[in-house]
Amino acid sequence: MSDTLSNLKKPAGATQREKRLGRGVGSGLGKTSGRGSKGQYARNGIKFGFEGGQTPLARRLPKRGFNVPFPTKTAAINVSELEAFGAGAKVDETALRDRGLIKGPIDRIKILGDGELTKAVTVAAHSFSKSAVQKIQKAGGKVVLVTGEATP
């Protein structure tokens, strides 16, 4: 096996020589370098989005709103979804992922106050709504604020 690996080669014809443009008449690609003579395509190319003098699509369409270039993806979890955990459980990102409440890459976790909670659980998240904090503490649980980014 070591003989085969040490003697690996590309198959014949797998690599071709680079075209050397504009290197004399004898090369076959001299003078006009394969671009023909004169005309739009013989010159320095066309701008991206150029539509032959017609107003480009990007300028014809209306511009509205604002797009955030790097949006933060927040996973919103309701208090009612925390009911799935047992009493005294520590609910953090890994626990939420194991239950399937969070999927895919996220930047932050926010706990919202929709629903009811009857079990005392310790919840670790990046942010909480006021009603969520009240419901968790009313059930005898704890709220832990996490700093930094969530893992993808």
C-alpha atoms as a PDB file:
ATOM      1  CA  MET A   1       0.000   0.000   0.000  1.00  0.00           C
ATOM      2  CA  SER A   2       2.837   2.408   0.786  1.00  0.00           C
ATOM      3  CA  ASP A   3       4.169   1.859  -2.743  1.00  0.00           C
ATOM      4  CA  THR A   4       0.870   2.988  -4.249  1.00  0.00           C
ATOM      5  CA  LEU A   5       0.507   6.123  -2.118  1.00  0.00           C
ATOM      6  CA  SER A   6       4.054   7.274  -2.772  1.00  0.00           C
ATOM      7  CA  ASN A   7       3.637   6.919  -6.540  1.00  0.00           C
ATOM      8  CA  LEU A   8       0.331   8.741  -7.032  1.00  0.00           C
ATOM      9  CA  LYS A   9       0.174  10.874 -10.188  1.00  0.00           C
ATOM     10  CA  LYS A  10      -2.511  12.808 -11.996  1.00  0.00           C
ATOM     11  CA  PRO A  11      -4.036  11.022 -15.007  1.00  0.00           C
ATOM     12  CA  ALA A  12      -2.743  12.013 -18.428  1.00  0.00           C
ATOM     13  CA  GLY A  13      -4.393  15.217 -19.679  1.00  0.00           C
ATOM     14  CA  ALA A  14      -5.595  16.294 -16.229  1.00  0.00           C
ATOM     15  CA  THR A  15      -3.495  19.479 -16.241  1.00  0.00           C
ATOM     16  CA  GLN A  16      -3.385  21.900 -19.143  1.00  0.00           C
ATOM     17  CA  ARG A  17      -0.957  24.710 -19.682  1.00  0.00           C
ATOM     18  CA  GLU A  18      -2.184  28.231 -18.941  1.00  0.00           C
ATOM     19  CA  LYS A  19      -3.105  30.334 -21.979  1.00  0.00           C
ATOM     20  CA  ARG A  20      -0.476  33.029 -22.392  1.00  0.00           C
ATOM     21  CA  LEU A  21      -2.293  35.867 -24.103  1.00  0.00           C
ATOM     22  CA  GLY A  22      -0.629  38.627 -26.089  1.00  0.00           C
ATOM     23  CA  ARG A  23       2.767  36.961 -26.468  1.00  0.00           C
ATOM     24  CA  GLY A  24       3.310  37.351 -30.203  1.00  0.00           C
ATOM     25  CA  VAL A  25       1.706  36.184 -33.426  1.00  0.00           C
ATOM     26  CA  GLY A  26       3.333  32.735 -33.278  1.00  0.00           C
ATOM     27  CA  SER A  27       1.530  31.816 -30.043  1.00  0.00           C
ATOM     28  CA  GLY A  28      -1.859  31.841 -31.764  1.00  0.00           C
ATOM     29  CA  LEU A  29      -3.148  34.278 -29.125  1.00  0.00           C
ATOM     30  CA  GLY A  30      -1.066  37.336 -29.932  1.00  0.00           C
ATOM     31  CA  LYS A  31      -2.134  40.819 -31.050  1.00  0.00           C
ATOM     32  CA  THR A  32      -5.842  40.834 -30.063  1.00  0.00           C
ATOM     33  CA  SER A  33      -5.381  37.986 -27.532  1.00  0.00           C
ATOM     34  CA  GLY A  34      -8.349  35.956 -28.720  1.00  0.00           C
ATOM     35  CA  ARG A  35     -10.848  38.829 -28.351  1.00  0.00           C
ATOM     36  CA  GLY A  36     -11.420  39.494 -32.037  1.00  0.00           C
ATOM     37  CA  SER A  37     -11.045  42.982 -33.422  1.00  0.00           C
ATOM     38  CA  LYS A  38     -12.786  46.033 -32.002  1.00  0.00           C
ATOM     39  CA  GLY A  39     -16.214  46.057 -30.398  1.00  0.00           C
ATOM     40  CA  GLN A  40     -17.544  46.034 -26.852  1.00  0.00           C
ATOM     41  CA  TYR A  41     -16.074  42.660 -25.900  1.00  0.00           C
ATOM     42  CA  ALA A  42     -12.614  43.463 -27.245  1.00  0.00           C
ATOM     43  CA  ARG A  43     -12.312  46.311 -24.770  1.00  0.00           C
ATOM     44  CA  ASN A  44     -12.024  46.348 -20.978  1.00  0.00           C
ATOM     45  CA  GLY A  45     -15.205  44.413 -20.251  1.00  0.00           C
ATOM     46  CA  ILE A  46     -18.629  45.518 -19.080  1.00  0.00           C
ATOM     47  CA  LYS A  47     -19.637  46.832 -15.665  1.00  0.00           C
ATOM     48  CA  PHE A  48     -21.627  44.394 -13.561  1.00  0.00           C
ATOM     49  CA  GLY A  49     -25.338  45.169 -13.868  1.00  0.00           C
ATOM     50  CA  PHE A  50     -24.880  47.214 -17.060  1.00  0.00           C
ATOM     51  CA  GLU A  51     -27.956  46.832 -19.273  1.00  0.00           C
ATOM     52  CA  GLY A  52     -26.882  48.517 -22.478  1.00  0.00           C
ATOM     53  CA  GLY A  53     -27.876  52.059 -21.536  1.00  0.00           C
ATOM     54  CA  GLN A  54     -31.277  51.088 -20.159  1.00  0.00           C
ATOM     55  CA  THR A  55     -31.746  52.130 -16.530  1.00  0.00           C
ATOM     56  CA  PRO A  56     -30.480  49.142 -14.526  1.00  0.00           C
ATOM     57  CA  LEU A  57     -32.877  47.056 -12.467  1.00  0.00           C
ATOM     58  CA  ALA A  58     -31.161  48.072  -9.218  1.00  0.00           C
ATOM     59  CA  ARG A  59     -32.011  51.716  -9.947  1.00  0.00           C
ATOM     60  CA  ARG A  60     -35.555  51.064 -11.221  1.00  0.00           C
ATOM     61  CA  LEU A  61     -36.740  49.303  -8.067  1.00  0.00           C
ATOM     62  CA  PRO A  62     -37.794  51.395  -5.048  1.00  0.00           C
ATOM     63  CA  LYS A  63     -35.503  51.523  -2.049  1.00  0.00           C
ATOM     64  CA  ARG A  64     -37.284  51.019   1.261  1.00  0.00           C
ATOM     65  CA  GLY A  65     -36.312  50.287   4.822  1.00  0.00           C
ATOM     66  CA  PHE A  66     -32.979  49.311   6.282  1.00  0.00           C
ATOM     67  CA  ASN A  67     -31.264  45.934   6.350  1.00  0.00           C
ATOM     68  CA  VAL A  68     -28.996  45.199   9.294  1.00  0.00           C
ATOM     69  CA  PRO A  69     -25.769  43.832   7.787  1.00  0.00           C
ATOM     70  CA  PHE A  70     -25.017  41.386  10.634  1.00  0.00           C
ATOM     71  CA  PRO A  71     -28.287  40.597  12.452  1.00  0.00           C
ATOM     72  CA  THR A  72     -28.222  38.743  15.768  1.00  0.00           C
ATOM     73  CA  LYS A  73     -30.339  35.599  15.803  1.00  0.00           C
ATOM     74  CA  THR A  74     -32.253  35.304  19.069  1.00  0.00           C
ATOM     75  CA  ALA A  75     -34.008  32.114  20.176  1.00  0.00           C
ATOM     76  CA  ALA A  76     -37.236  32.996  22.011  1.00  0.00           C
ATOM     77  CA  ILE A  77     -38.363  30.449  24.597  1.00  0.00           C
ATOM     78  CA  ASN A  78     -41.650  30.821  26.479  1.00  0.00           C
ATOM     79  CA  VAL A  79     -42.039  29.988  30.175  1.00  0.00           C
ATOM     80  CA  SER A  80     -44.636  27.336  29.262  1.00  0.00           C
ATOM     81  CA  GLU A  81     -41.933  25.424  27.331  1.00  0.00           C
ATOM     82  CA  LEU A  82     -39.823  25.208  30.519  1.00  0.00           C
ATOM     83  CA  GLU A  83     -42.575  23.069  32.049  1.00  0.00           C
ATOM     84  CA  ALA A  84     -41.065  20.097  30.144  1.00  0.00           C
ATOM     85  CA  PHE A  85     -38.081  20.092  32.547  1.00  0.00           C
ATOM     86  CA  GLY A  86     -38.200  18.366  35.935  1.00  0.00           C
ATOM     87  CA  ALA A  87     -38.294  20.220  39.254  1.00  0.00           C
ATOM     88  CA  GLY A  88     -34.866  21.481  40.310  1.00  0.00           C
ATOM     89  CA  ALA A  89     -33.450  21.147  36.767  1.00  0.00           C
ATOM     90  CA  LYS A  90     -30.808  23.531  35.437  1.00  0.00           C
ATOM     91  CA  VAL A  91     -32.046  24.908  32.127  1.00  0.00           C
ATOM     92  CA  ASP A  92     -29.294  26.312  29.892  1.00  0.00           C
ATOM     93  CA  GLU A  93     -28.481  26.235  26.195  1.00  0.00           C
ATOM     94  CA  THR A  94     -27.332  22.611  26.135  1.00  0.00           C
ATOM     95  CA  ALA A  95     -30.455  21.453  28.001  1.00  0.00           C
ATOM     96  CA  LEU A  96     -32.690  23.384  25.593  1.00  0.00           C
ATOM     97  CA  ARG A  97     -30.866  21.871  22.594  1.00  0.00           C
ATOM     98  CA  ASP A  98     -31.203  18.356  24.033  1.00  0.00           C
ATOM     99  CA  ARG A  99     -34.988  18.863  24.325  1.00  0.00           C
ATOM    100  CA  GLY A 100     -35.118  20.206  20.736  1.00  0.00           C
ATOM    101  CA  LEU A 101     -36.345  23.667  21.794  1.00  0.00           C
ATOM    102  CA  ILE A 102     -33.348  25.300  20.083  1.00  0.00           C
ATOM    103  CA  LYS A 103     -32.077  24.224  16.676  1.00  0.00           C
ATOM    104  CA  GLY A 104     -29.297  25.592  14.505  1.00  0.00           C
ATOM    105  CA  PRO A 105     -26.886  28.456  15.171  1.00  0.00           C
ATOM    106  CA  ILE A 106     -28.087  31.263  17.459  1.00  0.00           C
ATOM    107  CA  ASP A 107     -26.490  34.311  19.092  1.00  0.00           C
ATOM    108  CA  ARG A 108     -28.749  34.820  22.117  1.00  0.00           C
ATOM    109  CA  ILE A 109     -31.475  33.136  24.172  1.00  0.00           C
ATOM    110  CA  LYS A 110     -34.396  35.167  25.529  1.00  0.00           C
ATOM    111  CA  ILE A 111     -36.984  33.765  27.922  1.00  0.00           C
ATOM    112  CA  LEU A 112     -40.482  35.199  27.406  1.00  0.00           C
ATOM    113  CA  GLY A 113     -43.382  35.146  29.864  1.00  0.00           C
ATOM    114  CA  ASP A 114     -46.108  33.407  27.853  1.00  0.00           C
ATOM    115  CA  GLY A 115     -47.750  30.522  29.728  1.00  0.00           C
ATOM    116  CA  GLU A 116     -47.441  29.206  33.277  1.00  0.00           C
ATOM    117  CA  LEU A 117     -44.648  27.510  35.233  1.00  0.00           C
ATOM    118  CA  THR A 118     -45.319  25.266  38.236  1.00  0.00           C
ATOM    119  CA  LYS A 119     -41.850  23.755  38.830  1.00  0.00           C
ATOM    120  CA  ALA A 120     -38.805  25.377  40.448  1.00  0.00           C
ATOM    121  CA  VAL A 121     -36.080  25.450  37.778  1.00  0.00           C
ATOM    122  CA  THR A 122     -32.827  27.396  37.428  1.00  0.00           C
ATOM    123  CA  VAL A 123     -32.841  29.143  34.056  1.00  0.00           C
ATOM    124  CA  ALA A 124     -29.662  30.528  32.432  1.00  0.00           C
ATOM    125  CA  ALA A 125     -30.211  32.812  29.427  1.00  0.00           C
ATOM    126  CA  HIS A 126     -28.941  36.041  27.846  1.00  0.00           C
ATOM    127  CA  SER A 127     -32.104  38.011  28.628  1.00  0.00           C
ATOM    128  CA  PHE A 128     -35.526  37.672  30.251  1.00  0.00           C
ATOM    129  CA  SER A 129     -38.787  39.567  29.986  1.00  0.00           C
ATOM    130  CA  LYS A 130     -40.114  41.047  33.243  1.00  0.00           C
ATOM    131  CA  SER A 131     -43.101  38.711  33.304  1.00  0.00           C
ATOM    132  CA  ALA A 132     -40.838  35.680  32.739  1.00  0.00           C
ATOM    133  CA  VAL A 133     -38.651  36.637  35.716  1.00  0.00           C
ATOM    134  CA  GLN A 134     -41.745  37.037  37.912  1.00  0.00           C
ATOM    135  CA  LYS A 135     -43.209  33.657  36.873  1.00  0.00           C
ATOM    136  CA  ILE A 136     -39.898  31.783  37.351  1.00  0.00           C
ATOM    137  CA  GLN A 137     -39.330  33.310  40.804  1.00  0.00           C
ATOM    138  CA  LYS A 138     -42.971  32.799  41.799  1.00  0.00           C
ATOM    139  CA  ALA A 139     -42.567  29.066  41.045  1.00  0.00           C
ATOM    140  CA  GLY A 140     -39.473  29.022  43.319  1.00  0.00           C
ATOM    141  CA  GLY A 141     -36.874  29.002  40.544  1.00  0.00           C
ATOM    142  CA  LYS A 142     -33.782  31.121  39.894  1.00  0.00           C
ATOM    143  CA  VAL A 143     -32.834  33.437  37.021  1.00  0.00           C
ATOM    144  CA  VAL A 144     -29.188  33.483  35.849  1.00  0.00           C
ATOM    145  CA  LEU A 145     -28.023  36.056  33.280  1.00  0.00           C
ATOM    146  CA  VAL A 146     -25.444  34.716  30.821  1.00  0.00           C
ATOM    147  CA  THR A 147     -22.881  37.059  29.255  1.00  0.00           C
ATOM    148  CA  GLY A 148     -21.262  36.463  25.872  1.00  0.00           C
ATOM    149  CA  GLU A 149     -22.433  34.731  22.725  1.00  0.00           C
ATOM    150  CA  ALA A 150     -24.206  31.402  22.420  1.00  0.00           C
ATOM    151  CA  THR A 151     -22.448  28.527  20.689  1.00  0.00           C
ATOM    152  CA  PRO A 152     -23.430  27.639  17.098  1.00  0.00           C
END
